[in-house]
N, C-alpha and C. Protein backbone atom coordinates (compact mmCIF):
# COMPACT_ATOMS: atom_id res chain seq x y z
N MET A 1 7.22 44.66 -6.29
CA MET A 1 8.09 43.52 -6.51
C MET A 1 7.26 42.24 -6.45
N LYS A 2 7.36 41.44 -7.47
CA LYS A 2 6.61 40.18 -7.54
C LYS A 2 7.44 39.08 -6.90
N SER A 3 6.81 38.34 -5.98
CA SER A 3 7.56 37.26 -5.32
C SER A 3 7.64 36.03 -6.21
N GLN A 4 8.70 35.29 -6.05
CA GLN A 4 8.93 34.06 -6.81
C GLN A 4 8.78 32.87 -5.85
N PRO A 5 8.23 31.76 -6.34
CA PRO A 5 8.11 30.59 -5.46
C PRO A 5 9.48 29.99 -5.18
N PHE A 6 9.59 29.34 -4.04
CA PHE A 6 10.82 28.62 -3.72
C PHE A 6 10.94 27.42 -4.65
N ILE A 7 12.13 27.07 -4.99
CA ILE A 7 12.37 25.89 -5.82
C ILE A 7 13.02 24.83 -4.93
N GLY A 8 12.30 23.73 -4.74
CA GLY A 8 12.79 22.67 -3.86
C GLY A 8 13.67 21.68 -4.59
N ASP A 9 14.44 20.96 -3.83
CA ASP A 9 15.30 19.89 -4.35
C ASP A 9 14.42 18.67 -4.62
N GLN A 10 14.35 18.21 -5.87
CA GLN A 10 13.51 17.08 -6.26
C GLN A 10 13.85 15.82 -5.46
N LYS A 11 15.10 15.66 -5.07
CA LYS A 11 15.51 14.48 -4.31
C LYS A 11 14.91 14.45 -2.91
N ARG A 12 14.49 15.60 -2.42
CA ARG A 12 13.94 15.69 -1.06
C ARG A 12 12.41 15.70 -1.04
N GLN A 13 11.78 15.57 -2.18
CA GLN A 13 10.32 15.59 -2.25
C GLN A 13 9.75 14.25 -1.80
N ALA A 14 8.59 14.26 -1.19
CA ALA A 14 7.96 13.05 -0.66
C ALA A 14 6.86 12.52 -1.59
N VAL A 15 6.92 12.88 -2.85
CA VAL A 15 5.86 12.51 -3.79
C VAL A 15 5.68 11.00 -3.87
N ALA A 16 6.76 10.24 -4.00
CA ALA A 16 6.66 8.78 -4.10
C ALA A 16 6.09 8.18 -2.82
N SER A 17 6.53 8.67 -1.67
CA SER A 17 6.01 8.17 -0.39
C SER A 17 4.52 8.44 -0.25
N ILE A 18 4.11 9.65 -0.60
CA ILE A 18 2.70 10.02 -0.50
C ILE A 18 1.87 9.19 -1.47
N ARG A 19 2.38 8.97 -2.68
CA ARG A 19 1.67 8.14 -3.66
C ARG A 19 1.51 6.72 -3.12
N GLY A 20 2.56 6.18 -2.49
CA GLY A 20 2.51 4.84 -1.91
C GLY A 20 1.51 4.74 -0.78
N ILE A 21 1.46 5.74 0.07
CA ILE A 21 0.50 5.76 1.17
C ILE A 21 -0.92 5.84 0.62
N GLY A 22 -1.14 6.65 -0.40
CA GLY A 22 -2.46 6.75 -1.02
C GLY A 22 -2.89 5.43 -1.65
N TYR A 23 -1.96 4.76 -2.31
CA TYR A 23 -2.27 3.47 -2.94
C TYR A 23 -2.62 2.43 -1.87
N GLN A 24 -1.86 2.42 -0.79
CA GLN A 24 -2.16 1.50 0.31
C GLN A 24 -3.55 1.79 0.89
N PHE A 25 -3.88 3.06 1.05
CA PHE A 25 -5.20 3.44 1.57
C PHE A 25 -6.31 2.89 0.68
N TRP A 26 -6.20 3.07 -0.64
CA TRP A 26 -7.25 2.62 -1.55
C TRP A 26 -7.34 1.10 -1.60
N GLN A 27 -6.21 0.41 -1.54
CA GLN A 27 -6.24 -1.06 -1.53
C GLN A 27 -6.87 -1.58 -0.23
N THR A 28 -6.59 -0.91 0.88
CA THR A 28 -7.19 -1.30 2.16
C THR A 28 -8.69 -1.04 2.14
N LEU A 29 -9.10 0.08 1.59
CA LEU A 29 -10.52 0.40 1.49
C LEU A 29 -11.24 -0.64 0.63
N LEU A 30 -10.63 -1.03 -0.48
CA LEU A 30 -11.21 -2.06 -1.34
C LEU A 30 -11.36 -3.38 -0.59
N ALA A 31 -10.33 -3.75 0.18
CA ALA A 31 -10.42 -4.98 0.97
C ALA A 31 -11.55 -4.89 1.99
N TRP A 32 -11.73 -3.72 2.58
CA TRP A 32 -12.77 -3.53 3.60
C TRP A 32 -14.16 -3.64 2.99
N ILE A 33 -14.40 -2.98 1.86
CA ILE A 33 -15.76 -2.98 1.30
C ILE A 33 -16.11 -4.30 0.62
N THR A 34 -15.11 -5.14 0.36
CA THR A 34 -15.37 -6.45 -0.23
C THR A 34 -15.23 -7.57 0.81
N LEU A 35 -15.12 -7.21 2.07
CA LEU A 35 -14.96 -8.16 3.15
C LEU A 35 -16.20 -9.04 3.28
N LYS A 36 -15.98 -10.33 3.49
CA LYS A 36 -17.09 -11.26 3.69
C LYS A 36 -17.54 -11.21 5.15
N GLU A 37 -18.74 -11.68 5.42
CA GLU A 37 -19.27 -11.67 6.80
C GLU A 37 -18.41 -12.48 7.75
N THR A 38 -17.71 -13.46 7.23
CA THR A 38 -16.90 -14.36 8.06
C THR A 38 -15.47 -13.88 8.22
N GLU A 39 -15.14 -12.68 7.72
CA GLU A 39 -13.77 -12.18 7.76
C GLU A 39 -13.65 -10.95 8.65
N ILE A 40 -12.46 -10.77 9.20
CA ILE A 40 -12.12 -9.58 9.98
C ILE A 40 -10.89 -8.97 9.32
N LEU A 41 -10.87 -7.65 9.20
CA LEU A 41 -9.75 -6.94 8.59
C LEU A 41 -8.93 -6.27 9.69
N TYR A 42 -7.65 -6.56 9.72
CA TYR A 42 -6.72 -5.93 10.66
C TYR A 42 -5.77 -5.05 9.87
N LEU A 43 -5.57 -3.82 10.34
CA LEU A 43 -4.68 -2.88 9.67
C LEU A 43 -3.34 -2.79 10.39
N GLU A 44 -2.27 -2.84 9.62
CA GLU A 44 -0.90 -2.67 10.12
C GLU A 44 -0.57 -3.62 11.27
N CYS A 45 -0.88 -4.89 11.08
CA CYS A 45 -0.51 -5.90 12.08
C CYS A 45 0.69 -6.69 11.55
N VAL A 46 0.46 -7.81 10.89
CA VAL A 46 1.57 -8.56 10.31
C VAL A 46 2.12 -7.81 9.10
N GLU A 47 1.23 -7.37 8.22
CA GLU A 47 1.61 -6.59 7.04
C GLU A 47 0.71 -5.36 6.97
N ASP A 48 0.59 -4.78 5.77
CA ASP A 48 -0.22 -3.57 5.63
C ASP A 48 -1.66 -3.81 6.05
N PHE A 49 -2.22 -4.95 5.63
CA PHE A 49 -3.49 -5.38 6.20
C PHE A 49 -3.57 -6.89 6.15
N ASP A 50 -4.35 -7.43 7.07
CA ASP A 50 -4.52 -8.87 7.19
C ASP A 50 -6.02 -9.17 7.20
N LYS A 51 -6.42 -10.18 6.43
CA LYS A 51 -7.80 -10.64 6.43
C LYS A 51 -7.84 -12.01 7.10
N VAL A 52 -8.61 -12.13 8.19
CA VAL A 52 -8.69 -13.37 8.94
C VAL A 52 -10.12 -13.88 8.89
N GLN A 53 -10.26 -15.15 8.55
CA GLN A 53 -11.59 -15.78 8.49
C GLN A 53 -11.93 -16.35 9.85
N SER A 54 -13.23 -16.59 10.09
CA SER A 54 -13.67 -17.13 11.37
C SER A 54 -13.08 -18.51 11.64
N SER A 55 -12.67 -19.21 10.59
CA SER A 55 -12.05 -20.53 10.74
C SER A 55 -10.62 -20.43 11.26
N GLY A 56 -10.06 -19.22 11.25
CA GLY A 56 -8.68 -19.01 11.69
C GLY A 56 -7.71 -18.87 10.53
N ASP A 57 -8.13 -19.26 9.33
CA ASP A 57 -7.29 -19.06 8.15
C ASP A 57 -7.20 -17.57 7.85
N GLY A 58 -6.16 -17.17 7.16
CA GLY A 58 -6.04 -15.75 6.85
C GLY A 58 -5.11 -15.47 5.70
N GLU A 59 -5.05 -14.21 5.39
CA GLU A 59 -4.20 -13.71 4.29
C GLU A 59 -3.56 -12.42 4.76
N VAL A 60 -2.24 -12.33 4.63
CA VAL A 60 -1.55 -11.08 4.95
C VAL A 60 -1.19 -10.41 3.63
N VAL A 61 -1.36 -9.09 3.56
CA VAL A 61 -1.17 -8.38 2.30
C VAL A 61 -0.17 -7.23 2.49
N GLN A 62 0.87 -7.26 1.66
CA GLN A 62 1.84 -6.17 1.60
C GLN A 62 1.54 -5.38 0.34
N VAL A 63 1.24 -4.10 0.47
CA VAL A 63 0.88 -3.26 -0.67
C VAL A 63 2.11 -2.47 -1.11
N LYS A 64 2.39 -2.49 -2.41
CA LYS A 64 3.50 -1.70 -2.96
C LYS A 64 3.03 -0.99 -4.22
N ASP A 65 3.41 0.24 -4.35
CA ASP A 65 3.13 1.02 -5.56
C ASP A 65 4.44 1.17 -6.31
N LEU A 66 4.57 0.46 -7.42
CA LEU A 66 5.80 0.49 -8.20
C LEU A 66 5.58 1.17 -9.53
N GLN A 67 6.58 1.87 -10.00
CA GLN A 67 6.50 2.54 -11.30
C GLN A 67 6.76 1.57 -12.45
N ALA A 68 7.63 0.59 -12.21
CA ALA A 68 8.00 -0.36 -13.26
C ALA A 68 7.05 -1.55 -13.26
N PRO A 69 6.87 -2.18 -14.41
CA PRO A 69 6.04 -3.39 -14.46
C PRO A 69 6.65 -4.48 -13.56
N ILE A 70 5.81 -5.35 -13.04
CA ILE A 70 6.27 -6.39 -12.14
C ILE A 70 5.72 -7.74 -12.59
N THR A 71 6.52 -8.78 -12.43
CA THR A 71 6.07 -10.15 -12.70
C THR A 71 6.33 -10.97 -11.44
N LEU A 72 5.92 -12.22 -11.44
CA LEU A 72 6.16 -13.07 -10.27
C LEU A 72 7.64 -13.35 -10.06
N ASN A 73 8.46 -13.18 -11.11
CA ASN A 73 9.90 -13.37 -10.98
C ASN A 73 10.65 -12.09 -10.68
N SER A 74 9.96 -10.96 -10.63
CA SER A 74 10.63 -9.69 -10.33
C SER A 74 11.13 -9.68 -8.89
N SER A 75 12.21 -8.97 -8.67
CA SER A 75 12.82 -8.90 -7.34
C SER A 75 11.83 -8.48 -6.25
N PRO A 76 11.00 -7.44 -6.44
CA PRO A 76 10.07 -7.06 -5.37
C PRO A 76 9.08 -8.17 -5.01
N ALA A 77 8.67 -8.97 -6.00
CA ALA A 77 7.72 -10.05 -5.73
C ALA A 77 8.42 -11.22 -5.06
N VAL A 78 9.63 -11.55 -5.50
CA VAL A 78 10.36 -12.68 -4.94
C VAL A 78 10.80 -12.38 -3.52
N ASP A 79 11.17 -11.13 -3.24
CA ASP A 79 11.64 -10.75 -1.90
C ASP A 79 10.55 -10.77 -0.85
N CYS A 80 9.28 -10.68 -1.26
CA CYS A 80 8.18 -10.70 -0.29
C CYS A 80 8.05 -12.06 0.24
């Protein structure tokens, strides 16, 4: 008797979540390898990652992986 694979419910799959986590990982890695000597990278503090300069200025970054195109007027961009 040949076994058949289980068929899962597509609505319960974590594919989108895993893709989002992977995208955040790669964006964080890019920020780290392009970090300037005067900057410090903090992970999961204010946002997904924060870059702080020695002067005290900084940038907080929220990473999102979206399937649809986005503009500065799109809801996800405006809501941030």
